[in-house]
């Protein structure tokens, strides 16, 4: 319920979302399996390009070498690492992916600084 409530609170929306959380021991990083539904179908390649170009995201997605985001590799880093981008087999507008990021840096401290910097940049805070 925490993930459900936090998503709606952070995004200031009543958007429908569904989440399943599993606690697995890791030193510093959290990981999530994410499913999204877009208004129009989007290809895996377009999604990967968007993720790779997004500030604060790093695409790590190479099935040929089994290279995907892993908690041990993302600890101590600022970006959120995204991989295993796949089409949802049951929904033309659905995508699934896996992400991992340092819960202290991106999940708390750095995130707060970046939000503050953004608000100053767009003129909402002085």
C-alpha atoms as a PDB file:
ATOM      1  CA  UNK A   1       0.000   0.000   0.000  1.00  0.00           C
ATOM      2  CA  UNK A   2       2.929   2.322   0.654  1.00  0.00           C
ATOM      3  CA  UNK A   3       4.032   2.185  -2.994  1.00  0.00           C
ATOM      4  CA  UNK A   4       0.449   2.717  -4.194  1.00  0.00           C
ATOM      5  CA  UNK A   5      -0.128   5.697  -1.896  1.00  0.00           C
ATOM      6  CA  UNK A   6       3.300   7.265  -2.512  1.00  0.00           C
ATOM      7  CA  UNK A   7       2.913   7.066  -6.301  1.00  0.00           C
ATOM      8  CA  UNK A   8      -0.402   8.899  -6.175  1.00  0.00           C
ATOM      9  CA  UNK A   9       0.922  11.465  -3.685  1.00  0.00           C
ATOM     10  CA  UNK A  10       4.171  12.210  -5.544  1.00  0.00           C
ATOM     11  CA  UNK A  11       2.446  12.477  -8.915  1.00  0.00           C
ATOM     12  CA  UNK A  12      -0.445  14.545  -7.498  1.00  0.00           C
ATOM     13  CA  UNK A  13      -2.946  12.324  -9.262  1.00  0.00           C
ATOM     14  CA  UNK A  14      -5.585   9.727  -8.672  1.00  0.00           C
ATOM     15  CA  UNK A  15      -4.087   7.587 -11.446  1.00  0.00           C
ATOM     16  CA  UNK A  16      -4.731   3.911 -11.086  1.00  0.00           C
ATOM     17  CA  UNK A  17      -1.678   1.904 -10.198  1.00  0.00           C
ATOM     18  CA  UNK A  18      -0.936  -1.545  -8.938  1.00  0.00           C
ATOM     19  CA  UNK A  19       2.138  -2.686  -7.076  1.00  0.00           C
ATOM     20  CA  UNK A  20       3.610  -5.749  -5.475  1.00  0.00           C
ATOM     21  CA  UNK A  21       6.499  -5.207  -3.101  1.00  0.00           C
ATOM     22  CA  UNK A  22       8.945  -7.849  -1.963  1.00  0.00           C
ATOM     23  CA  UNK A  23      11.623  -7.318   0.683  1.00  0.00           C
ATOM     24  CA  UNK A  24      14.982  -8.737  -0.361  1.00  0.00           C
ATOM     25  CA  UNK A  25      18.143  -7.977   1.550  1.00  0.00           C
ATOM     26  CA  UNK A  26      20.505  -5.618  -0.239  1.00  0.00           C
ATOM     27  CA  UNK A  27      23.092  -3.253   1.097  1.00  0.00           C
ATOM     28  CA  UNK A  28      22.075   0.048  -0.487  1.00  0.00           C
ATOM     29  CA  UNK A  29      19.896  -0.223  -3.573  1.00  0.00           C
ATOM     30  CA  UNK A  30      16.231  -0.843  -4.119  1.00  0.00           C
ATOM     31  CA  UNK A  31      14.917  -2.498  -7.266  1.00  0.00           C
ATOM     32  CA  UNK A  32      11.466  -2.551  -8.811  1.00  0.00           C
ATOM     33  CA  UNK A  33       9.668  -4.456 -11.492  1.00  0.00           C
ATOM     34  CA  UNK A  34       7.544  -1.837 -13.274  1.00  0.00           C
ATOM     35  CA  UNK A  35       4.584  -2.147 -15.629  1.00  0.00           C
ATOM     36  CA  UNK A  36       3.284   0.912 -17.452  1.00  0.00           C
ATOM     37  CA  UNK A  37       0.442   1.554 -19.869  1.00  0.00           C
ATOM     38  CA  UNK A  38       0.776   4.378 -22.392  1.00  0.00           C
ATOM     39  CA  UNK A  39      -1.974   6.179 -24.310  1.00  0.00           C
ATOM     40  CA  UNK A  40      -0.617   4.864 -27.620  1.00  0.00           C
ATOM     41  CA  UNK A  41       1.580   1.848 -28.351  1.00  0.00           C
ATOM     42  CA  UNK A  42       5.308   2.537 -28.012  1.00  0.00           C
ATOM     43  CA  UNK A  43       8.064   0.256 -29.251  1.00  0.00           C
ATOM     44  CA  UNK A  44      10.714  -1.173 -26.960  1.00  0.00           C
ATOM     45  CA  UNK A  45      13.342   0.670 -28.994  1.00  0.00           C
ATOM     46  CA  UNK A  46      11.583   4.035 -28.577  1.00  0.00           C
ATOM     47  CA  UNK A  47      11.214   3.409 -24.850  1.00  0.00           C
ATOM     48  CA  UNK A  48      14.899   2.497 -24.564  1.00  0.00           C
ATOM     49  CA  UNK A  49      15.910   5.679 -26.429  1.00  0.00           C
ATOM     50  CA  UNK A  50      13.729   7.796 -24.123  1.00  0.00           C
ATOM     51  CA  UNK A  51      15.160   6.140 -21.008  1.00  0.00           C
ATOM     52  CA  UNK A  52      18.743   6.530 -22.263  1.00  0.00           C
ATOM     53  CA  UNK A  53      18.143  10.241 -22.967  1.00  0.00           C
ATOM     54  CA  UNK A  54      16.390  10.987 -19.664  1.00  0.00           C
ATOM     55  CA  UNK A  55      18.462  12.931 -17.122  1.00  0.00           C
ATOM     56  CA  UNK A  56      19.208  10.778 -14.094  1.00  0.00           C
ATOM     57  CA  UNK A  57      18.591   7.485 -15.903  1.00  0.00           C
ATOM     58  CA  UNK A  58      21.040   4.984 -17.312  1.00  0.00           C
ATOM     59  CA  UNK A  59      19.878   2.259 -19.673  1.00  0.00           C
ATOM     60  CA  UNK A  60      21.511  -1.101 -18.894  1.00  0.00           C
ATOM     61  CA  UNK A  61      19.744  -3.562 -21.157  1.00  0.00           C
ATOM     62  CA  UNK A  62      21.722  -6.126 -23.137  1.00  0.00           C
ATOM     63  CA  UNK A  63      20.048  -9.541 -23.246  1.00  0.00           C
ATOM     64  CA  UNK A  64      22.870 -10.973 -25.393  1.00  0.00           C
ATOM     65  CA  UNK A  65      25.336 -10.564 -22.519  1.00  0.00           C
ATOM     66  CA  UNK A  66      22.748 -10.853 -19.719  1.00  0.00           C
ATOM     67  CA  UNK A  67      23.557  -7.288 -18.649  1.00  0.00           C
ATOM     68  CA  UNK A  68      20.794  -5.699 -16.568  1.00  0.00           C
ATOM     69  CA  UNK A  69      20.600  -3.369 -13.530  1.00  0.00           C
ATOM     70  CA  UNK A  70      21.713  -5.107 -10.364  1.00  0.00           C
ATOM     71  CA  UNK A  71      21.560  -3.649  -6.829  1.00  0.00           C
ATOM     72  CA  UNK A  72      25.244  -4.325  -6.164  1.00  0.00           C
ATOM     73  CA  UNK A  73      26.187  -2.319  -9.272  1.00  0.00           C
ATOM     74  CA  UNK A  74      23.934   0.684  -8.550  1.00  0.00           C
ATOM     75  CA  UNK A  75      24.899   1.332  -4.920  1.00  0.00           C
ATOM     76  CA  UNK A  76      26.710   4.629  -4.434  1.00  0.00           C
ATOM     77  CA  UNK A  77      25.607   6.017  -7.811  1.00  0.00           C
ATOM     78  CA  UNK A  78      23.242   8.905  -8.524  1.00  0.00           C
ATOM     79  CA  UNK A  79      21.302   7.545 -11.510  1.00  0.00           C
ATOM     80  CA  UNK A  80      18.419   5.105 -11.624  1.00  0.00           C
ATOM     81  CA  UNK A  81      19.427   2.173 -13.828  1.00  0.00           C
ATOM     82  CA  UNK A  82      16.762   0.693 -16.114  1.00  0.00           C
ATOM     83  CA  UNK A  83      16.761  -2.531 -18.091  1.00  0.00           C
ATOM     84  CA  UNK A  84      14.775  -5.575 -19.201  1.00  0.00           C
ATOM     85  CA  UNK A  85      12.503  -3.278 -21.222  1.00  0.00           C
ATOM     86  CA  UNK A  86       9.846  -5.516 -22.768  1.00  0.00           C
ATOM     87  CA  UNK A  87       6.460  -5.266 -24.470  1.00  0.00           C
ATOM     88  CA  UNK A  88       3.588  -6.427 -22.310  1.00  0.00           C
ATOM     89  CA  UNK A  89       2.300  -9.588 -23.987  1.00  0.00           C
ATOM     90  CA  UNK A  90      -1.317  -8.833 -23.050  1.00  0.00           C
ATOM     91  CA  UNK A  91      -1.597  -5.101 -23.813  1.00  0.00           C
ATOM     92  CA  UNK A  92      -0.417  -3.285 -26.968  1.00  0.00           C
ATOM     93  CA  UNK A  93       0.056  -0.107 -24.903  1.00  0.00           C
ATOM     94  CA  UNK A  94       1.915  -1.854 -22.077  1.00  0.00           C
ATOM     95  CA  UNK A  95       5.626  -2.058 -21.285  1.00  0.00           C
ATOM     96  CA  UNK A  96       7.486  -3.706 -18.450  1.00  0.00           C
ATOM     97  CA  UNK A  97      10.974  -2.989 -17.168  1.00  0.00           C
ATOM     98  CA  UNK A  98      13.302  -3.470 -14.220  1.00  0.00           C
ATOM     99  CA  UNK A  99      15.030  -0.660 -12.383  1.00  0.00           C
ATOM    100  CA  UNK A 100      17.522  -0.354  -9.571  1.00  0.00           C
ATOM    101  CA  UNK A 101      18.899   2.635  -7.721  1.00  0.00           C
ATOM    102  CA  UNK A 102      20.629   3.646  -4.524  1.00  0.00           C
ATOM    103  CA  UNK A 103      17.836   4.294  -2.027  1.00  0.00           C
ATOM    104  CA  UNK A 104      19.848   6.822  -0.018  1.00  0.00           C
ATOM    105  CA  UNK A 105      21.237   8.876  -2.875  1.00  0.00           C
ATOM    106  CA  UNK A 106      18.409   8.885  -5.386  1.00  0.00           C
ATOM    107  CA  UNK A 107      15.678   7.739  -3.079  1.00  0.00           C
ATOM    108  CA  UNK A 108      16.142  10.469  -0.501  1.00  0.00           C
ATOM    109  CA  UNK A 109      19.004  12.957  -0.339  1.00  0.00           C
ATOM    110  CA  UNK A 110      19.836  13.555  -4.001  1.00  0.00           C
ATOM    111  CA  UNK A 111      16.201  13.458  -5.031  1.00  0.00           C
ATOM    112  CA  UNK A 112      15.351  16.263  -2.590  1.00  0.00           C
ATOM    113  CA  UNK A 113      18.222  18.416  -3.918  1.00  0.00           C
ATOM    114  CA  UNK A 114      17.252  17.777  -7.550  1.00  0.00           C
ATOM    115  CA  UNK A 115      13.605  18.654  -6.906  1.00  0.00           C
ATOM    116  CA  UNK A 116      14.708  21.896  -5.208  1.00  0.00           C
ATOM    117  CA  UNK A 117      17.019  22.762  -8.105  1.00  0.00           C
ATOM    118  CA  UNK A 118      14.217  22.115 -10.586  1.00  0.00           C
ATOM    119  CA  UNK A 119      11.762  24.322  -8.691  1.00  0.00           C
ATOM    120  CA  UNK A 120      14.292  27.158  -8.579  1.00  0.00           C
ATOM    121  CA  UNK A 121      14.962  26.716 -12.326  1.00  0.00           C
ATOM    122  CA  UNK A 122      11.284  26.909 -13.300  1.00  0.00           C
ATOM    123  CA  UNK A 123      10.695  29.842 -10.972  1.00  0.00           C
ATOM    124  CA  UNK A 124       8.433  28.273  -8.362  1.00  0.00           C
ATOM    125  CA  UNK A 125      10.891  28.802  -5.488  1.00  0.00           C
ATOM    126  CA  UNK A 126      13.290  31.614  -4.699  1.00  0.00           C
END
